[in-house]
Amino acid sequence: MAVIRPFCCIHPAKGLESRIAALPYDVYSRGEARIEAEKNPLSFLNIDRPETQFEETHDMYGAEVYEKAHELLGDLQKTGKMVQESSPCYYLYELTMNGRSQTGIAACASIDDYQNGIIKKHENTRAEKEADRIRHVDICDAQTGPIFLAYRKNQQIQEIVQKTKELAPVYSFTSEDGVTHRGWCISETEQIEKIQNAFREIQQIYIADGHHRAASAVKVGLKRREEHPDFDGTEEFNYFLSVLFPDEELMILDYNRVVKDLNGLTAETLLERLREKFEVTPETEAVHPAAKGQFGMYLEHTWYRLAIRPQYCVQDPVEGLDVSLLQKEVLAPLLGIQNPKTDNRIDFVGGIRGLQELERRVHTDCAVAFSMYPTSIQELFSVADAGLLMPPKSTWFEPKLRSGLYIHSLR
């Protein structure tokens, strides 16, 4: 039974949504974040990446940096640029990219559900990345970046969502990347109770994106519990900001690989070795794999379609993933990439960049590129249900949720 509850959202004042909303903090390098923040003083990136308010050489993890984030968030509220709802509500957040829409419910999930496995993970987290967001949440006294959660479609929730979307949205704008964002508020007591009860019937919820944000929010909640041993479970620090989407509406893009050299092999030898386990077909155009078990490869100005032979396919939730097959049958034995997490000879290119980015990399700083068939949401569910972890860079979700549209205060 999942506990998904409404909350008193802090959000941009009407008309300022497009100026405040920003892409997640972790899609930018430090230099990129500074450039974006300088473009727009109202951008929420100034709060999510507060080091942009200091000299480039300043310690980006200094206490004063996080205090600056808290100050900036407070200033937006004091000047009326951000406002807080007076009563708990659910919120709908619709994103439309390339004519395709997905609609999630912005709400608060329980840290206990995260702890007891109702909210399931499929990635490991790194302590140093957690530490940054722990301090950000704790000092800001608010969760500023929603965790992207997924659940198996529920008819009752869908009916409420569709009925609500018949009303005029409270905001609607199209961001610079062409994604349209629209939102609605669900404040009626009857609708709120129906949504809460429907989620109580859902046995599993999955982190699609935002593992570090989730882990950090939970650790802040546990820290607050230690600081308040008389807590009763209703306090805001027991919950973390999320947007929950039904599985059928989600799109996972390919997460492609480029390798800087051929590990001492010639192109001809690599092709010969590949033919031992793959059907290898030269193509005249860039290869988008058409099915699971297929890969595109760009090598010496030529695209190839690789189809793994059936006897090398496996049914294991993790080992059967295409990213695992490529690692096991190509990257490790042929190209010498034993640990893709740490080997600087491999890089990862999100599918949003297109196959031309793979060609560009091979023409500049790499020797070979592989295009992947996207991991499916059902494969993600299967891995998480088995209590297993995916290999690094297995999923690339688009469109990205904007920060700054929904803020959860821990007060």
Protein backbone atom coordinates (compact mmCIF):
# COMPACT_ATOMS: atom_id res chain seq x y z
CA MET A 1 0.00 0.00 0.00
CA ALA A 2 1.56 3.27 -1.14
CA VAL A 3 1.13 6.47 0.87
CA ILE A 4 0.96 9.36 -1.60
CA ARG A 5 -0.37 12.48 -0.01
CA PRO A 6 -1.28 16.04 -1.08
CA PHE A 7 0.79 19.00 0.12
CA CYS A 8 0.77 22.78 0.39
CA CYS A 9 2.84 23.52 -2.70
CA ILE A 10 5.11 26.51 -3.13
CA HIS A 11 4.94 27.46 -6.82
CA PRO A 12 5.58 30.41 -9.14
CA ALA A 13 3.07 33.25 -9.09
CA LYS A 14 0.75 33.14 -12.07
CA GLY A 15 2.52 34.26 -15.22
CA LEU A 16 6.04 33.59 -13.92
CA GLU A 17 6.09 29.82 -14.45
CA SER A 18 8.05 29.96 -17.70
CA ARG A 19 10.66 32.35 -16.27
CA ILE A 20 11.24 30.38 -13.07
CA ALA A 21 11.06 26.76 -14.28
CA ALA A 22 14.45 25.21 -15.03
CA LEU A 23 15.89 21.89 -16.13
CA PRO A 24 17.18 19.65 -13.31
CA TYR A 25 20.39 20.75 -11.62
CA ASP A 26 22.32 17.66 -12.68
CA VAL A 27 21.96 18.07 -16.45
CA TYR A 28 24.45 20.96 -16.37
CA SER A 29 28.18 21.14 -15.80
CA ARG A 30 29.33 23.92 -13.48
CA GLY A 31 30.21 26.14 -16.42
CA GLU A 32 26.93 25.49 -18.21
CA ALA A 33 24.97 26.21 -15.03
CA ARG A 34 26.69 29.57 -14.63
CA ILE A 35 25.89 30.58 -18.21
CA GLU A 36 22.24 29.56 -17.87
CA ALA A 37 21.84 31.29 -14.51
CA GLU A 38 23.33 34.53 -15.82
CA LYS A 39 20.82 34.55 -18.66
CA ASN A 40 17.84 34.63 -16.32
CA PRO A 41 18.01 35.94 -12.73
CA LEU A 42 14.61 34.33 -12.01
CA SER A 43 15.63 30.88 -13.21
CA PHE A 44 15.31 28.28 -10.49
CA LEU A 45 18.75 27.10 -11.49
CA ASN A 46 20.09 29.96 -9.37
CA ILE A 47 18.65 28.13 -6.35
CA ASP A 48 19.32 24.56 -7.47
CA ARG A 49 22.93 25.46 -8.34
CA PRO A 50 23.70 28.30 -5.89
CA GLU A 51 27.43 28.18 -6.63
CA THR A 52 26.51 30.23 -9.71
CA GLN A 53 26.14 33.21 -7.34
CA PHE A 54 29.83 33.07 -6.37
CA GLU A 55 33.18 33.39 -8.10
CA GLU A 56 34.07 30.49 -10.38
CA THR A 57 36.87 29.42 -8.01
CA HIS A 58 34.63 29.43 -4.92
CA ASP A 59 34.11 26.11 -3.12
CA MET A 60 30.78 24.99 -4.55
CA TYR A 61 30.10 22.89 -1.45
CA GLY A 62 30.75 25.59 1.14
CA ALA A 63 28.04 26.17 3.76
CA GLU A 64 27.55 29.73 2.52
CA VAL A 65 26.61 28.38 -0.92
CA TYR A 66 23.67 26.42 0.45
CA GLU A 67 22.70 29.36 2.65
CA LYS A 68 22.54 31.43 -0.53
CA ALA A 69 20.05 28.96 -2.01
CA HIS A 70 17.90 29.31 1.11
CA GLU A 71 18.12 33.10 0.88
CA LEU A 72 17.15 33.19 -2.80
CA LEU A 73 14.17 30.89 -2.24
CA GLY A 74 13.02 33.09 0.62
CA ASP A 75 13.40 36.22 -1.50
CA LEU A 76 11.16 34.78 -4.21
CA GLN A 77 8.47 34.19 -1.60
CA LYS A 78 8.90 37.55 0.14
CA THR A 79 8.56 39.42 -3.17
CA GLY A 80 5.51 37.39 -4.20
CA LYS A 81 7.20 35.73 -7.14
CA MET A 82 6.52 32.38 -5.52
CA VAL A 83 3.44 31.65 -3.41
CA GLN A 84 2.29 28.80 -1.21
CA GLU A 85 -1.11 27.10 -1.25
CA SER A 86 -3.01 27.39 2.03
CA SER A 87 -4.35 23.82 2.00
CA PRO A 88 -2.96 20.47 0.80
CA CYS A 89 -3.66 19.70 -2.86
CA TYR A 90 -2.59 17.34 -5.59
CA TYR A 91 -1.32 18.85 -8.82
CA LEU A 92 -1.26 17.57 -12.38
CA TYR A 93 1.87 18.16 -14.42
CA GLU A 94 1.60 17.48 -18.16
CA LEU A 95 4.63 17.54 -20.46
CA THR A 96 4.26 17.38 -24.24
CA MET A 97 7.23 16.75 -26.51
CA ASN A 98 7.04 16.12 -30.26
CA GLY A 99 3.26 15.75 -30.06
CA ARG A 100 3.39 13.14 -27.29
CA SER A 101 2.08 13.88 -23.77
CA GLN A 102 2.53 12.39 -20.34
CA THR A 103 0.68 13.54 -17.24
CA GLY A 104 1.87 12.97 -13.70
CA ILE A 105 0.53 13.75 -10.25
CA ALA A 106 2.73 16.05 -8.18
CA ALA A 107 2.46 14.86 -4.59
CA CYS A 108 4.52 13.69 -1.63
CA ALA A 109 5.68 10.11 -1.21
CA SER A 110 6.56 8.48 2.11
CA ILE A 111 10.14 7.96 3.24
CA ASP A 112 8.89 4.81 4.98
CA ASP A 113 7.70 3.43 1.64
CA TYR A 114 11.20 4.07 0.30
CA GLN A 115 12.70 2.32 3.32
CA ASN A 116 10.40 -0.72 3.17
CA GLY A 117 10.66 -1.29 -0.57
CA ILE A 118 7.21 -0.20 -1.73
CA ILE A 119 9.10 2.49 -3.65
CA LYS A 120 11.62 0.48 -5.63
CA LYS A 121 15.05 1.44 -6.93
CA HIS A 122 17.02 0.20 -9.92
CA GLU A 123 20.26 2.21 -9.51
CA ASN A 124 22.98 2.61 -6.92
CA THR A 125 23.74 6.08 -5.61
CA ARG A 126 27.06 7.74 -4.87
CA ALA A 127 27.67 9.18 -1.41
CA GLU A 128 29.34 12.36 -2.69
CA LYS A 129 26.38 13.19 -4.94
CA GLU A 130 23.96 12.49 -2.11
CA ALA A 131 25.89 14.76 0.25
CA ASP A 132 25.35 17.78 -1.98
CA ARG A 133 21.55 17.39 -2.16
CA ILE A 134 21.30 16.45 1.52
CA ARG A 135 22.80 19.81 2.47
CA HIS A 136 20.71 21.62 -0.14
CA VAL A 137 17.42 20.14 1.14
CA ASP A 138 18.36 20.50 4.80
CA ILE A 139 19.50 24.13 4.63
CA CYS A 140 16.77 25.23 2.22
CA ASP A 141 14.26 23.46 4.46
CA ALA A 142 12.55 22.39 1.25
CA GLN A 143 12.72 19.84 -1.53
CA THR A 144 13.16 21.74 -4.77
CA GLY A 145 13.55 18.96 -7.35
CA PRO A 146 10.82 16.36 -7.79
CA ILE A 147 11.62 12.65 -7.98
CA PHE A 148 10.26 11.06 -11.16
CA LEU A 149 8.18 8.04 -10.06
CA ALA A 150 6.25 5.50 -12.14
CA TYR A 151 3.39 3.15 -11.35
CA ARG A 152 1.31 0.63 -13.26
CA LYS A 153 -1.68 2.39 -14.75
CA ASN A 154 -4.68 2.71 -12.42
CA GLN A 155 -8.07 3.30 -14.01
CA GLN A 156 -9.55 5.32 -11.16
CA ILE A 157 -6.60 7.70 -11.12
CA GLN A 158 -6.75 8.04 -14.91
CA GLU A 159 -10.43 8.98 -14.78
CA ILE A 160 -9.75 11.76 -12.27
CA VAL A 161 -6.81 12.99 -14.34
CA GLN A 162 -8.85 13.11 -17.54
CA LYS A 163 -11.76 14.87 -15.84
CA THR A 164 -9.42 17.47 -14.32
CA LYS A 165 -7.73 18.12 -17.66
CA GLU A 166 -11.08 19.13 -19.15
CA LEU A 167 -10.71 22.32 -17.09
CA ALA A 168 -8.47 25.24 -18.02
CA PRO A 169 -4.88 24.74 -16.79
CA VAL A 170 -3.47 27.05 -14.14
CA TYR A 171 -0.37 27.51 -16.28
CA SER A 172 0.74 26.65 -19.80
CA PHE A 173 4.03 27.50 -21.51
CA THR A 174 6.50 26.08 -23.98
CA SER A 175 10.13 26.02 -22.90
CA GLU A 176 13.10 26.80 -25.15
CA ASP A 177 13.57 23.13 -26.01
CA GLY A 178 10.06 22.90 -27.44
CA VAL A 179 8.47 21.02 -24.53
CA THR A 180 5.04 22.31 -23.49
CA HIS A 181 4.29 22.32 -19.76
CA ARG A 182 0.78 22.57 -18.32
CA GLY A 183 -0.50 22.24 -14.77
CA TRP A 184 -3.75 21.84 -12.83
CA CYS A 185 -4.60 21.91 -9.12
CA ILE A 186 -6.83 19.26 -7.51
CA SER A 187 -8.24 20.79 -4.32
CA GLU A 188 -11.69 19.17 -3.93
CA THR A 189 -11.82 16.95 -0.85
CA GLU A 190 -13.67 14.14 -2.65
CA GLN A 191 -11.14 13.98 -5.49
CA ILE A 192 -8.22 14.11 -3.05
CA GLU A 193 -9.63 11.19 -1.07
CA LYS A 194 -10.20 9.16 -4.23
CA ILE A 195 -6.60 9.66 -5.34
CA GLN A 196 -5.23 8.78 -1.89
CA ASN A 197 -7.36 5.64 -1.74
CA ALA A 198 -6.38 4.60 -5.26
CA PHE A 199 -2.68 4.83 -4.42
CA ARG A 200 -3.29 2.76 -1.29
CA GLU A 201 -4.27 -0.07 -3.65
CA ILE A 202 -0.99 0.19 -5.57
CA GLN A 203 1.62 -2.22 -4.22
CA GLN A 204 4.72 -1.03 -6.05
CA ILE A 205 5.98 2.36 -7.18
CA TYR A 206 9.26 2.77 -9.05
CA ILE A 207 11.92 5.45 -9.20
CA ALA A 208 12.28 6.21 -12.89
CA ASP A 209 14.72 9.09 -12.50
CA GLY A 210 16.14 10.95 -9.52
CA HIS A 211 17.71 8.23 -7.37
CA HIS A 212 20.13 10.69 -5.75
CA ARG A 213 17.42 13.24 -5.03
CA ALA A 214 15.27 10.50 -3.49
CA ALA A 215 18.04 9.08 -1.33
CA SER A 216 19.01 12.57 -0.16
CA ALA A 217 15.43 13.54 0.70
CA VAL A 218 15.00 10.34 2.69
CA LYS A 219 18.23 10.88 4.61
CA VAL A 220 17.19 14.41 5.52
CA GLY A 221 13.88 13.01 6.76
CA LEU A 222 15.65 10.41 8.89
CA LYS A 223 17.97 13.11 10.26
CA ARG A 224 14.96 15.23 11.22
CA ARG A 225 13.42 12.24 12.97
CA GLU A 226 16.54 11.90 15.09
CA GLU A 227 16.36 15.61 15.88
CA HIS A 228 12.67 15.31 16.78
CA PRO A 229 12.29 11.97 18.61
CA ASP A 230 8.69 12.86 19.41
CA PHE A 231 7.71 12.90 15.71
CA ASP A 232 4.36 11.28 14.92
CA GLY A 233 4.76 10.66 11.18
CA THR A 234 2.59 13.53 9.97
CA GLU A 235 5.44 16.05 9.74
CA GLU A 236 6.45 17.20 6.27
CA PHE A 237 9.98 15.81 6.65
CA ASN A 238 8.48 12.32 6.54
CA TYR A 239 7.61 12.82 2.85
CA PHE A 240 9.43 13.76 -0.33
CA LEU A 241 8.42 15.67 -3.44
CA SER A 242 7.51 13.47 -6.40
CA VAL A 243 5.69 13.44 -9.71
CA LEU A 244 4.07 10.07 -10.39
CA PHE A 245 3.34 8.88 -13.94
CA PRO A 246 1.45 5.84 -15.23
CA ASP A 247 3.76 3.41 -17.01
CA GLU A 248 1.93 3.50 -20.36
CA GLU A 249 2.66 7.19 -20.87
CA LEU A 250 6.40 7.10 -20.31
CA MET A 251 9.07 7.17 -22.97
CA ILE A 252 12.59 5.91 -22.45
CA LEU A 253 15.10 6.94 -25.08
CA ASP A 254 18.20 5.06 -26.11
CA TYR A 255 21.36 5.63 -24.07
CA ASN A 256 24.17 5.13 -26.55
CA ARG A 257 27.87 4.35 -26.16
CA VAL A 258 31.05 5.69 -27.76
CA VAL A 259 34.51 4.20 -27.25
CA LYS A 260 37.73 6.11 -27.82
CA ASP A 261 39.83 3.33 -29.37
CA LEU A 262 39.55 -0.24 -30.63
CA ASN A 263 41.73 -1.76 -27.90
CA GLY A 264 44.49 -2.53 -30.40
CA LEU A 265 42.18 -4.19 -32.94
CA THR A 266 41.83 -3.17 -36.55
CA ALA A 267 38.36 -2.41 -37.86
CA GLU A 268 38.49 -5.60 -39.92
CA THR A 269 39.42 -7.72 -36.91
CA LEU A 270 36.65 -6.17 -34.81
CA LEU A 271 34.07 -6.98 -37.50
CA GLU A 272 35.39 -10.51 -37.77
CA ARG A 273 35.15 -11.05 -34.01
CA LEU A 274 31.65 -9.57 -33.90
CA ARG A 275 30.42 -12.04 -36.52
CA GLU A 276 31.06 -14.88 -34.05
CA LYS A 277 27.99 -13.84 -32.02
CA PHE A 278 26.15 -11.32 -34.17
CA GLU A 279 24.65 -11.05 -37.61
CA VAL A 280 26.54 -8.06 -39.01
CA THR A 281 24.93 -6.12 -41.86
CA PRO A 282 26.38 -2.94 -43.44
CA GLU A 283 23.80 -0.16 -43.85
CA THR A 284 23.71 2.98 -45.97
CA GLU A 285 21.97 5.09 -43.30
CA ALA A 286 22.31 5.62 -39.57
CA VAL A 287 20.96 2.65 -37.65
CA HIS A 288 18.17 2.99 -35.10
CA PRO A 289 17.82 -0.57 -33.75
CA ALA A 290 14.34 -1.84 -34.58
CA ALA A 291 14.00 -4.41 -31.80
CA LYS A 292 15.52 -5.76 -28.63
CA GLY A 293 18.76 -7.63 -29.37
CA GLN A 294 19.73 -5.26 -32.18
CA PHE A 295 22.47 -2.64 -32.08
CA GLY A 296 23.75 -0.02 -34.47
CA MET A 297 27.50 0.43 -34.86
CA TYR A 298 29.31 3.31 -36.55
CA LEU A 299 32.85 2.40 -37.53
CA GLU A 300 35.12 4.09 -40.07
CA HIS A 301 32.32 6.10 -41.74
CA THR A 302 30.05 3.05 -42.08
CA TRP A 303 26.95 2.04 -40.14
CA TYR A 304 26.34 -1.62 -39.34
CA ARG A 305 23.31 -3.38 -37.91
CA LEU A 306 24.26 -5.98 -35.29
CA ALA A 307 21.72 -8.65 -34.34
CA ILE A 308 22.76 -10.98 -31.55
CA ARG A 309 22.35 -14.67 -32.34
CA PRO A 310 19.52 -16.29 -30.32
CA GLN A 311 21.76 -18.69 -28.40
CA TYR A 312 23.48 -15.74 -26.72
CA CYS A 313 20.26 -14.18 -25.40
CA VAL A 314 19.38 -14.73 -21.73
CA GLN A 315 16.17 -14.30 -19.72
CA ASP A 316 17.68 -12.82 -16.56
CA PRO A 317 16.17 -9.36 -15.75
CA VAL A 318 19.60 -7.70 -15.71
CA GLU A 319 21.79 -9.94 -17.86
CA GLY A 320 19.08 -9.97 -20.55
CA LEU A 321 19.12 -6.18 -20.97
CA ASP A 322 20.62 -4.95 -24.23
CA VAL A 323 23.06 -2.77 -22.31
CA SER A 324 24.23 -5.90 -20.47
CA LEU A 325 24.54 -7.94 -23.68
CA LEU A 326 26.64 -5.24 -25.32
CA GLN A 327 28.87 -5.04 -22.25
CA LYS A 328 29.27 -8.81 -21.93
CA GLU A 329 29.72 -9.69 -25.59
CA VAL A 330 31.44 -6.61 -27.05
CA LEU A 331 32.66 -3.91 -24.70
CA ALA A 332 34.47 -6.17 -22.21
CA PRO A 333 35.89 -9.03 -24.34
CA LEU A 334 36.66 -7.08 -27.51
CA LEU A 335 37.20 -3.46 -26.51
CA GLY A 336 38.59 -4.03 -23.02
CA ILE A 337 35.98 -1.96 -21.15
CA GLN A 338 35.77 -4.02 -17.97
CA ASN A 339 34.14 -1.38 -15.76
CA PRO A 340 32.10 1.22 -17.66
CA LYS A 341 31.61 3.21 -14.45
CA THR A 342 35.29 4.04 -14.15
CA ASP A 343 36.90 3.49 -17.57
CA ASN A 344 37.55 6.85 -19.24
CA ARG A 345 37.75 5.19 -22.67
CA ILE A 346 33.95 4.95 -22.82
CA ASP A 347 31.40 7.73 -22.88
CA PHE A 348 27.59 7.75 -22.91
CA VAL A 349 25.37 9.80 -25.21
CA GLY A 350 21.69 10.34 -24.44
CA GLY A 351 19.32 9.53 -27.27
CA ILE A 352 17.94 13.07 -27.21
CA ARG A 353 21.15 14.12 -29.00
CA GLY A 354 20.41 11.92 -32.02
CA LEU A 355 22.59 9.54 -34.01
CA GLN A 356 24.41 12.41 -35.69
CA GLU A 357 26.08 13.04 -32.33
CA LEU A 358 27.50 9.50 -32.47
CA GLU A 359 28.89 10.18 -35.93
CA ARG A 360 30.37 13.47 -34.74
CA ARG A 361 32.10 11.77 -31.81
CA VAL A 362 33.63 9.09 -34.06
CA HIS A 363 34.84 11.82 -36.42
CA THR A 364 36.46 13.74 -33.56
CA ASP A 365 37.56 11.86 -30.43
CA CYS A 366 36.26 8.28 -30.65
CA ALA A 367 36.83 5.17 -32.78
CA VAL A 368 33.46 3.42 -32.63
CA ALA A 369 29.89 4.16 -31.53
CA PHE A 370 26.97 1.92 -30.63
CA SER A 371 23.32 2.92 -30.87
CA MET A 372 20.99 1.07 -28.52
CA TYR A 373 17.40 -0.12 -28.53
CA PRO A 374 15.80 1.68 -25.57
CA THR A 375 15.30 -0.17 -22.33
CA SER A 376 11.55 -0.56 -21.75
CA ILE A 377 9.68 0.57 -18.66
CA GLN A 378 8.63 -3.06 -18.13
CA GLU A 379 12.28 -4.12 -18.10
CA LEU A 380 12.92 -1.44 -15.48
CA PHE A 381 10.02 -2.77 -13.41
CA SER A 382 11.31 -6.34 -13.70
CA VAL A 383 14.79 -5.40 -12.49
CA ALA A 384 13.41 -3.41 -9.56
CA ASP A 385 10.90 -6.15 -8.64
CA ALA A 386 13.76 -8.66 -8.51
CA GLY A 387 15.63 -6.38 -6.11
CA LEU A 388 18.43 -5.99 -8.66
CA LEU A 389 20.25 -3.01 -10.14
CA MET A 390 20.64 -1.93 -13.74
CA PRO A 391 24.04 -1.30 -15.30
CA PRO A 392 25.03 2.38 -15.39
CA LYS A 393 23.45 4.55 -18.09
CA SER A 394 20.65 2.12 -18.94
CA THR A 395 17.77 4.59 -19.23
CA TRP A 396 17.32 8.12 -20.56
CA PHE A 397 13.93 9.62 -19.81
CA GLU A 398 12.52 12.50 -21.82
CA PRO A 399 11.12 15.02 -21.35
CA LYS A 400 12.81 16.13 -18.14
CA LEU A 401 10.72 17.43 -15.25
CA ARG A 402 11.32 21.13 -14.58
CA SER A 403 12.47 22.28 -11.17
CA GLY A 404 10.79 25.28 -9.58
CA LEU A 405 7.21 24.50 -10.58
CA TYR A 406 6.46 22.50 -7.43
CA ILE A 407 8.33 22.99 -4.14
CA HIS A 408 7.72 21.02 -0.95
CA SER A 409 8.47 22.90 2.28
CA LEU A 410 9.66 20.78 5.20
CA ARG A 411 8.23 23.23 7.71
